[in-house]
Amino acid sequence: MRKIVINPAYEGLDSLRDLVKAIDERFPEGDLIQKGSRNELRRLALDGVEGGRVVVKHFGRPNPINRVAYTFLRAPKGVRAYRYALRVREAGFDTPAPLAYVEHRRGGLVADSYLVSTECPYSRRFYEFGDADASSARDIIRAFTRRTAAFHAAGMLHKDFSPGNILFDRVDGEWRFAIVDINRMRFGKVSLERGCANFARLWGSLDFFRIIADEYARCRHADADYCFSLIRRARRRFWVRFARRHRVKYHLEL
């Protein structure tokens, strides 16, 4: 059984309807962006959308336990990504627009699925700050921190706030930021402690995080040294645990 959901704002787009009806055949034809053990990202041409291209994420079949959970207990990843993107955009923050969601069910249980989204126009990702001189990017870091603080103030927190999921560029003289891969979100009041801990997965020098702490404290009317200590504590906890299972690609200042 196949379930198709199309964003009402794009219901009149025949090219989108044609794509989702033939998504299994069309997806392998797209340009590969990223391929993981379960999920795969490809870029496909689509008439009628800005830039003439869309990004399609294929969510592979969950393990047996999650197939049951996603069928009866909680929404599958693709559904969450679709709904959360609508919610984030409605709140005035930037993430690719969700165009459609396609879900396959086999034996009555959720199997694989697809999310079709617009392509983010920003070309840079936060990976570049891993070993960068933070002082030379002070204006970018401050602008990013202000936007993050506003996101938290709106009661939204990205639970995978990592460098690859933050895209940015300079547009009309201003730094613009977008978040992607948002199937893991938390909605509700974001405390100062939780907000500071949200920076833990980012790469950068201590100077990079000092700038973040100073600006975030200013936005949240808090003490900058306290924010810095919270960020460092959260980073130590995350990266020490991460390093036990994975290779860290750059020198960590914790």
C-alpha atoms as a PDB file:
ATOM      1  CA  MET A   1       0.000   0.000   0.000  1.00  0.00           C
ATOM      2  CA  ARG A   2       1.240   3.486  -0.836  1.00  0.00           C
ATOM      3  CA  LYS A   3       0.372   6.707   0.991  1.00  0.00           C
ATOM      4  CA  ILE A   4       0.963  10.054  -0.728  1.00  0.00           C
ATOM      5  CA  VAL A   5       0.755  13.459   0.960  1.00  0.00           C
ATOM      6  CA  ILE A   6       1.231  16.619  -1.118  1.00  0.00           C
ATOM      7  CA  ASN A   7       1.730  20.052   0.404  1.00  0.00           C
ATOM      8  CA  PRO A   8      -1.506  21.996  -0.355  1.00  0.00           C
ATOM      9  CA  ALA A   9       0.598  24.921  -1.594  1.00  0.00           C
ATOM     10  CA  TYR A  10       1.876  22.697  -4.438  1.00  0.00           C
ATOM     11  CA  GLU A  11      -1.234  20.628  -5.201  1.00  0.00           C
ATOM     12  CA  GLY A  12      -1.619  22.230  -8.613  1.00  0.00           C
ATOM     13  CA  LEU A  13       1.886  21.256  -9.727  1.00  0.00           C
ATOM     14  CA  ASP A  14       1.394  18.423 -12.217  1.00  0.00           C
ATOM     15  CA  SER A  15       5.131  17.722 -12.430  1.00  0.00           C
ATOM     16  CA  LEU A  16       5.168  17.031  -8.686  1.00  0.00           C
ATOM     17  CA  ARG A  17       2.226  14.638  -8.939  1.00  0.00           C
ATOM     18  CA  ASP A  18       3.965  12.811 -11.771  1.00  0.00           C
ATOM     19  CA  LEU A  19       7.137  12.552  -9.711  1.00  0.00           C
ATOM     20  CA  VAL A  20       5.539  11.109  -6.590  1.00  0.00           C
ATOM     21  CA  LYS A  21       3.518   8.584  -8.598  1.00  0.00           C
ATOM     22  CA  ALA A  22       6.726   7.269 -10.154  1.00  0.00           C
ATOM     23  CA  ILE A  23       9.051   7.959  -7.215  1.00  0.00           C
ATOM     24  CA  ASP A  24      10.481   4.420  -7.064  1.00  0.00           C
ATOM     25  CA  GLU A  25      11.571   4.596 -10.695  1.00  0.00           C
ATOM     26  CA  ARG A  26      12.604   8.271 -10.721  1.00  0.00           C
ATOM     27  CA  PHE A  27      14.643   8.324  -7.517  1.00  0.00           C
ATOM     28  CA  PRO A  28      17.625   6.242  -8.780  1.00  0.00           C
ATOM     29  CA  GLU A  29      17.912   8.603 -11.766  1.00  0.00           C
ATOM     30  CA  GLY A  30      18.720  11.588  -9.545  1.00  0.00           C
ATOM     31  CA  ASP A  31      22.176  12.945  -8.764  1.00  0.00           C
ATOM     32  CA  LEU A  32      23.492  11.365  -5.573  1.00  0.00           C
ATOM     33  CA  ILE A  33      24.058  13.844  -2.746  1.00  0.00           C
ATOM     34  CA  GLN A  34      24.574  11.550   0.208  1.00  0.00           C
ATOM     35  CA  LYS A  35      24.230   7.834   0.913  1.00  0.00           C
ATOM     36  CA  GLY A  36      24.170   6.285   4.355  1.00  0.00           C
ATOM     37  CA  SER A  37      23.514   2.811   5.681  1.00  0.00           C
ATOM     38  CA  ARG A  38      19.740   3.380   5.649  1.00  0.00           C
ATOM     39  CA  ASN A  39      18.957   6.758   4.083  1.00  0.00           C
ATOM     40  CA  GLU A  40      19.871   8.267   0.727  1.00  0.00           C
ATOM     41  CA  LEU A  41      19.630  11.791  -0.663  1.00  0.00           C
ATOM     42  CA  ARG A  42      19.338  12.621  -4.384  1.00  0.00           C
ATOM     43  CA  ARG A  43      18.719  15.733  -6.475  1.00  0.00           C
ATOM     44  CA  LEU A  44      16.100  15.540  -9.252  1.00  0.00           C
ATOM     45  CA  ALA A  45      14.910  17.988 -11.893  1.00  0.00           C
ATOM     46  CA  LEU A  46      11.358  19.261 -11.433  1.00  0.00           C
ATOM     47  CA  ASP A  47       9.574  21.892 -13.499  1.00  0.00           C
ATOM     48  CA  GLY A  48       7.617  24.551 -11.648  1.00  0.00           C
ATOM     49  CA  VAL A  49       9.817  24.986  -8.576  1.00  0.00           C
ATOM     50  CA  GLU A  50      12.463  27.623  -7.967  1.00  0.00           C
ATOM     51  CA  GLY A  51      15.768  26.497  -9.418  1.00  0.00           C
ATOM     52  CA  GLY A  52      14.085  23.687 -11.328  1.00  0.00           C
ATOM     53  CA  ARG A  53      15.333  21.026  -8.902  1.00  0.00           C
ATOM     54  CA  VAL A  54      14.202  19.256  -5.750  1.00  0.00           C
ATOM     55  CA  VAL A  55      15.926  17.123  -3.146  1.00  0.00           C
ATOM     56  CA  VAL A  56      14.439  13.701  -2.408  1.00  0.00           C
ATOM     57  CA  LYS A  57      15.345  11.802   0.737  1.00  0.00           C
ATOM     58  CA  HIS A  58      14.742   8.070   0.784  1.00  0.00           C
ATOM     59  CA  PHE A  59      14.245   6.611   4.246  1.00  0.00           C
ATOM     60  CA  GLY A  60      15.128   2.928   4.131  1.00  0.00           C
ATOM     61  CA  ARG A  61      13.069   0.255   5.800  1.00  0.00           C
ATOM     62  CA  PRO A  62      13.309   0.538   9.621  1.00  0.00           C
ATOM     63  CA  ASN A  63      14.291  -2.412  11.760  1.00  0.00           C
ATOM     64  CA  PRO A  64      11.392  -4.670  12.837  1.00  0.00           C
ATOM     65  CA  ILE A  65      10.897  -2.964  16.207  1.00  0.00           C
ATOM     66  CA  ASN A  66      10.774   0.497  14.650  1.00  0.00           C
ATOM     67  CA  ARG A  67       8.428  -0.692  11.901  1.00  0.00           C
ATOM     68  CA  VAL A  68       5.903  -1.535  14.607  1.00  0.00           C
ATOM     69  CA  ALA A  69       6.630   1.674  16.541  1.00  0.00           C
ATOM     70  CA  TYR A  70       6.307   3.898  13.452  1.00  0.00           C
ATOM     71  CA  THR A  71       3.053   2.209  12.496  1.00  0.00           C
ATOM     72  CA  PHE A  72       1.278   2.300  15.847  1.00  0.00           C
ATOM     73  CA  LEU A  73       3.124   4.470  18.367  1.00  0.00           C
ATOM     74  CA  ARG A  74       4.812   7.438  16.695  1.00  0.00           C
ATOM     75  CA  ALA A  75       5.098   9.117  13.313  1.00  0.00           C
ATOM     76  CA  PRO A  76       7.799   7.787  10.945  1.00  0.00           C
ATOM     77  CA  LYS A  77      10.874   9.957  10.307  1.00  0.00           C
ATOM     78  CA  GLY A  78       9.627  11.175   6.947  1.00  0.00           C
ATOM     79  CA  VAL A  79       6.280  12.276   8.352  1.00  0.00           C
ATOM     80  CA  ARG A  80       7.997  14.125  11.173  1.00  0.00           C
ATOM     81  CA  ALA A  81      10.392  15.812   8.753  1.00  0.00           C
ATOM     82  CA  TYR A  82       7.443  16.923   6.599  1.00  0.00           C
ATOM     83  CA  ARG A  83       5.372  18.242   9.512  1.00  0.00           C
ATOM     84  CA  TYR A  84       8.275  19.866  11.310  1.00  0.00           C
ATOM     85  CA  ALA A  85       9.390  21.694   8.164  1.00  0.00           C
ATOM     86  CA  LEU A  86       5.926  23.205   7.830  1.00  0.00           C
ATOM     87  CA  ARG A  87       5.992  24.267  11.461  1.00  0.00           C
ATOM     88  CA  VAL A  88       9.482  25.772  11.275  1.00  0.00           C
ATOM     89  CA  ARG A  89       8.647  27.742   8.142  1.00  0.00           C
ATOM     90  CA  GLU A  90       5.349  28.959   9.577  1.00  0.00           C
ATOM     91  CA  ALA A  91       7.326  30.361  12.521  1.00  0.00           C
ATOM     92  CA  GLY A  92       9.475  32.373  10.098  1.00  0.00           C
ATOM     93  CA  PHE A  93      12.642  30.270  10.077  1.00  0.00           C
ATOM     94  CA  ASP A  94      14.420  28.855   7.068  1.00  0.00           C
ATOM     95  CA  THR A  95      14.342  25.204   6.083  1.00  0.00           C
ATOM     96  CA  PRO A  96      13.610  23.656   2.671  1.00  0.00           C
ATOM     97  CA  ALA A  97       9.902  23.631   1.877  1.00  0.00           C
ATOM     98  CA  PRO A  98       8.382  20.131   2.089  1.00  0.00           C
ATOM     99  CA  LEU A  99       6.569  19.364  -1.156  1.00  0.00           C
ATOM    100  CA  ALA A 100       5.410  15.792  -0.696  1.00  0.00           C
ATOM    101  CA  TYR A 101       5.747  12.634   1.349  1.00  0.00           C
ATOM    102  CA  VAL A 102       5.406   9.089  -0.001  1.00  0.00           C
ATOM    103  CA  GLU A 103       5.153   6.059   2.278  1.00  0.00           C
ATOM    104  CA  HIS A 104       5.087   2.364   1.483  1.00  0.00           C
ATOM    105  CA  ARG A 105       3.483  -0.152   3.821  1.00  0.00           C
ATOM    106  CA  ARG A 106       4.037  -3.855   3.554  1.00  0.00           C
ATOM    107  CA  GLY A 107       2.245  -6.411   5.671  1.00  0.00           C
ATOM    108  CA  GLY A 108       0.388  -3.518   7.295  1.00  0.00           C
ATOM    109  CA  LEU A 109       3.611  -1.992   8.641  1.00  0.00           C
ATOM    110  CA  VAL A 110       5.618   1.052   7.594  1.00  0.00           C
ATOM    111  CA  ALA A 111       8.368   0.141   5.140  1.00  0.00           C
ATOM    112  CA  ASP A 112      10.439   2.667   3.178  1.00  0.00           C
ATOM    113  CA  SER A 113       9.396   6.263   2.423  1.00  0.00           C
ATOM    114  CA  TYR A 114      10.403   9.422   0.551  1.00  0.00           C
ATOM    115  CA  LEU A 115      10.401  13.130   1.382  1.00  0.00           C
ATOM    116  CA  VAL A 116      10.458  15.627  -1.497  1.00  0.00           C
ATOM    117  CA  SER A 117      11.668  19.128  -0.632  1.00  0.00           C
ATOM    118  CA  THR A 118      12.869  22.269  -2.342  1.00  0.00           C
ATOM    119  CA  GLU A 119      16.630  22.647  -2.653  1.00  0.00           C
ATOM    120  CA  CYS A 120      18.286  24.988  -0.162  1.00  0.00           C
ATOM    121  CA  PRO A 121      20.064  27.772  -2.106  1.00  0.00           C
ATOM    122  CA  TYR A 122      22.792  28.295   0.505  1.00  0.00           C
ATOM    123  CA  SER A 123      26.157  26.798  -0.420  1.00  0.00           C
ATOM    124  CA  ARG A 124      28.152  26.885   2.815  1.00  0.00           C
ATOM    125  CA  ARG A 125      27.974  24.580   5.848  1.00  0.00           C
ATOM    126  CA  PHE A 126      29.294  24.958   9.354  1.00  0.00           C
ATOM    127  CA  TYR A 127      31.972  22.327   8.799  1.00  0.00           C
ATOM    128  CA  GLU A 128      34.288  25.129   7.711  1.00  0.00           C
ATOM    129  CA  PHE A 129      34.632  26.402  11.283  1.00  0.00           C
ATOM    130  CA  GLY A 130      36.347  23.272  12.571  1.00  0.00           C
ATOM    131  CA  ASP A 131      39.868  24.720  12.500  1.00  0.00           C
ATOM    132  CA  ALA A 132      39.052  28.250  11.332  1.00  0.00           C
ATOM    133  CA  ASP A 133      40.211  31.492  12.913  1.00  0.00           C
ATOM    134  CA  ALA A 134      37.053  32.504  14.738  1.00  0.00           C
ATOM    135  CA  SER A 135      38.008  36.189  14.894  1.00  0.00           C
ATOM    136  CA  SER A 136      37.864  36.431  11.093  1.00  0.00           C
ATOM    137  CA  ALA A 137      34.290  35.103  11.092  1.00  0.00           C
ATOM    138  CA  ARG A 138      32.985  36.996  14.092  1.00  0.00           C
ATOM    139  CA  ASP A 139      30.097  38.622  12.227  1.00  0.00           C
ATOM    140  CA  ILE A 140      28.919  35.252  10.844  1.00  0.00           C
ATOM    141  CA  ILE A 141      29.100  33.584  14.251  1.00  0.00           C
ATOM    142  CA  ARG A 142      27.215  36.391  15.962  1.00  0.00           C
ATOM    143  CA  ALA A 143      24.504  36.461  13.301  1.00  0.00           C
ATOM    144  CA  PHE A 144      24.145  32.672  13.551  1.00  0.00           C
ATOM    145  CA  THR A 145      23.908  32.832  17.335  1.00  0.00           C
ATOM    146  CA  ARG A 146      21.232  35.527  17.225  1.00  0.00           C
ATOM    147  CA  ARG A 147      19.203  33.422  14.833  1.00  0.00           C
ATOM    148  CA  THR A 148      19.608  30.345  17.033  1.00  0.00           C
ATOM    149  CA  ALA A 149      18.552  32.312  20.110  1.00  0.00           C
ATOM    150  CA  ALA A 150      15.427  33.469  18.259  1.00  0.00           C
ATOM    151  CA  PHE A 151      14.719  29.866  17.258  1.00  0.00           C
ATOM    152  CA  HIS A 152      14.973  28.785  20.891  1.00  0.00           C
ATOM    153  CA  ALA A 153      12.821  31.718  22.031  1.00  0.00           C
ATOM    154  CA  ALA A 154      10.153  30.509  19.598  1.00  0.00           C
ATOM    155  CA  GLY A 155      10.113  27.185  21.462  1.00  0.00           C
ATOM    156  CA  MET A 156      11.998  25.110  18.900  1.00  0.00           C
ATOM    157  CA  LEU A 157      15.172  23.070  19.282  1.00  0.00           C
ATOM    158  CA  HIS A 158      16.930  20.995  16.608  1.00  0.00           C
ATOM    159  CA  LYS A 159      18.115  17.801  18.298  1.00  0.00           C
ATOM    160  CA  ASP A 160      20.737  17.103  15.622  1.00  0.00           C
ATOM    161  CA  PHE A 161      22.215  20.616  15.494  1.00  0.00           C
ATOM    162  CA  SER A 162      25.429  19.533  13.812  1.00  0.00           C
ATOM    163  CA  PRO A 163      27.651  21.303  11.226  1.00  0.00           C
ATOM    164  CA  GLY A 164      26.259  19.415   8.246  1.00  0.00           C
ATOM    165  CA  ASN A 165      22.695  20.396   9.114  1.00  0.00           C
ATOM    166  CA  ILE A 166      23.346  24.150   9.171  1.00  0.00           C
ATOM    167  CA  LEU A 167      23.618  25.881   5.796  1.00  0.00           C
ATOM    168  CA  PHE A 168      24.341  29.561   5.288  1.00  0.00           C
ATOM    169  CA  ASP A 169      25.265  32.268   2.817  1.00  0.00           C
ATOM    170  CA  ARG A 170      25.321  36.021   2.442  1.00  0.00           C
ATOM    171  CA  VAL A 171      22.176  37.276   0.704  1.00  0.00           C
ATOM    172  CA  ASP A 172      21.567  40.951  -0.035  1.00  0.00           C
ATOM    173  CA  GLY A 173      24.247  41.946   2.463  1.00  0.00           C
ATOM    174  CA  GLU A 174      22.895  39.773   5.299  1.00  0.00           C
ATOM    175  CA  TRP A 175      23.882  36.367   6.610  1.00  0.00           C
ATOM    176  CA  ARG A 176      21.075  33.867   6.142  1.00  0.00           C
ATOM    177  CA  PHE A 177      20.864  30.452   7.798  1.00  0.00           C
ATOM    178  CA  ALA A 178      18.813  27.322   7.162  1.00  0.00           C
ATOM    179  CA  ILE A 179      18.520  24.033   9.002  1.00  0.00           C
ATOM    180  CA  VAL A 180      18.013  20.640   7.364  1.00  0.00           C
ATOM    181  CA  ASP A 181      17.446  17.047   8.484  1.00  0.00           C
ATOM    182  CA  ILE A 182      14.837  18.113  11.007  1.00  0.00           C
ATOM    183  CA  ASN A 183      12.997  14.873  11.734  1.00  0.00           C
ATOM    184  CA  ARG A 184      14.372  15.132  15.284  1.00  0.00           C
ATOM    185  CA  MET A 185      12.999  18.296  16.903  1.00  0.00           C
ATOM    186  CA  ARG A 186      11.817  19.357  20.339  1.00  0.00           C
ATOM    187  CA  PHE A 187       9.005  21.882  20.734  1.00  0.00           C
ATOM    188  CA  GLY A 188       8.337  23.738  23.958  1.00  0.00           C
ATOM    189  CA  LYS A 189      10.137  26.130  26.275  1.00  0.00           C
ATOM    190  CA  VAL A 190      13.918  26.029  25.768  1.00  0.00           C
ATOM    191  CA  SER A 191      15.750  26.765  29.011  1.00  0.00           C
ATOM    192  CA  LEU A 192      19.062  28.605  29.031  1.00  0.00           C
ATOM    193  CA  GLU A 193      20.827  25.368  29.978  1.00  0.00           C
ATOM    194  CA  ARG A 194      19.212  23.353  27.199  1.00  0.00           C
ATOM    195  CA  GLY A 195      19.823  26.160  24.719  1.00  0.00           C
ATOM    196  CA  CYS A 196      23.536  26.326  25.530  1.00  0.00           C
ATOM    197  CA  ALA A 197      23.826  22.546  25.328  1.00  0.00           C
ATOM    198  CA  ASN A 198      22.350  22.698  21.823  1.00  0.00           C
ATOM    199  CA  PHE A 199      25.710  24.020  20.535  1.00  0.00           C
ATOM    200  CA  ALA A 200      27.594  20.923  21.734  1.00  0.00           C
ATOM    201  CA  ARG A 201      27.818  19.154  18.357  1.00  0.00           C
ATOM    202  CA  LEU A 202      29.339  22.083  16.494  1.00  0.00           C
ATOM    203  CA  TRP A 203      32.981  22.172  15.445  1.00  0.00           C
ATOM    204  CA  GLY A 204      35.255  25.047  16.349  1.00  0.00           C
ATOM    205  CA  SER A 205      37.924  26.497  18.606  1.00  0.00           C
ATOM    206  CA  LEU A 206      37.331  27.778  22.108  1.00  0.00           C
ATOM    207  CA  ASP A 207      37.328  31.291  20.641  1.00  0.00           C
ATOM    208  CA  PHE A 208      34.485  30.228  18.348  1.00  0.00           C
ATOM    209  CA  PHE A 209      32.410  29.105  21.330  1.00  0.00           C
ATOM    210  CA  ARG A 210      33.389  32.144  23.372  1.00  0.00           C
ATOM    211  CA  ILE A 211      31.828  34.341  20.689  1.00  0.00           C
ATOM    212  CA  ILE A 212      28.715  32.151  20.708  1.00  0.00           C
ATOM    213  CA  ALA A 213      28.486  32.278  24.504  1.00  0.00           C
ATOM    214  CA  ASP A 214      28.836  36.071  24.616  1.00  0.00           C
ATOM    215  CA  GLU A 215      26.188  36.648  21.940  1.00  0.00           C
ATOM    216  CA  TYR A 216      23.788  34.004  23.228  1.00  0.00           C
ATOM    217  CA  ALA A 217      24.042  35.419  26.747  1.00  0.00           C
ATOM    218  CA  ARG A 218      23.269  38.883  25.393  1.00  0.00           C
ATOM    219  CA  CYS A 219      20.198  37.559  23.554  1.00  0.00           C
ATOM    220  CA  ARG A 220      18.982  35.582  26.563  1.00  0.00           C
ATOM    221  CA  HIS A 221      19.865  38.271  29.136  1.00  0.00           C
ATOM    222  CA  ALA A 222      22.198  35.876  30.905  1.00  0.00           C
ATOM    223  CA  ASP A 223      25.781  35.798  32.180  1.00  0.00           C
ATOM    224  CA  ALA A 224      28.292  35.151  29.379  1.00  0.00           C
ATOM    225  CA  ASP A 225      30.746  33.196  31.557  1.00  0.00           C
ATOM    226  CA  TYR A 226      27.930  30.960  32.756  1.00  0.00           C
ATOM    227  CA  CYS A 227      26.833  30.314  29.154  1.00  0.00           C
ATOM    228  CA  PHE A 228      30.412  29.527  28.161  1.00  0.00           C
ATOM    229  CA  SER A 229      30.744  27.029  31.002  1.00  0.00           C
ATOM    230  CA  LEU A 230      27.459  25.364  30.005  1.00  0.00           C
ATOM    231  CA  ILE A 231      28.548  25.060  26.378  1.00  0.00           C
ATOM    232  CA  ARG A 232      31.944  23.616  27.311  1.00  0.00           C
ATOM    233  CA  ARG A 233      30.406  21.119  29.718  1.00  0.00           C
ATOM    234  CA  ALA A 234      27.923  19.929  27.102  1.00  0.00           C
ATOM    235  CA  ARG A 235      30.668  19.660  24.467  1.00  0.00           C
ATOM    236  CA  ARG A 236      32.911  17.589  26.717  1.00  0.00           C
ATOM    237  CA  ARG A 237      30.056  15.227  27.475  1.00  0.00           C
ATOM    238  CA  PHE A 238      29.099  14.817  23.824  1.00  0.00           C
ATOM    239  CA  TRP A 239      32.553  14.574  22.235  1.00  0.00           C
ATOM    240  CA  VAL A 240      34.087  12.247  24.805  1.00  0.00           C
ATOM    241  CA  ARG A 241      31.200   9.864  24.219  1.00  0.00           C
ATOM    242  CA  PHE A 242      31.413  10.344  20.441  1.00  0.00           C
ATOM    243  CA  ALA A 243      35.185   9.688  20.343  1.00  0.00           C
ATOM    244  CA  ARG A 244      34.689   6.259  21.930  1.00  0.00           C
ATOM    245  CA  ARG A 245      32.823   5.086  18.823  1.00  0.00           C
ATOM    246  CA  HIS A 246      34.040   7.303  15.985  1.00  0.00           C
ATOM    247  CA  ARG A 247      37.145   8.998  14.684  1.00  0.00           C
ATOM    248  CA  VAL A 248      37.136  12.756  15.317  1.00  0.00           C
ATOM    249  CA  LYS A 249      38.237  14.585  12.181  1.00  0.00           C
ATOM    250  CA  TYR A 250      39.912  17.583  13.783  1.00  0.00           C
ATOM    251  CA  HIS A 251      41.633  18.672  16.984  1.00  0.00           C
ATOM    252  CA  LEU A 252      39.091  19.270  19.734  1.00  0.00           C
ATOM    253  CA  GLU A 253      39.429  22.117  22.198  1.00  0.00           C
ATOM    254  CA  LEU A 254      37.174  21.193  25.073  1.00  0.00           C
END
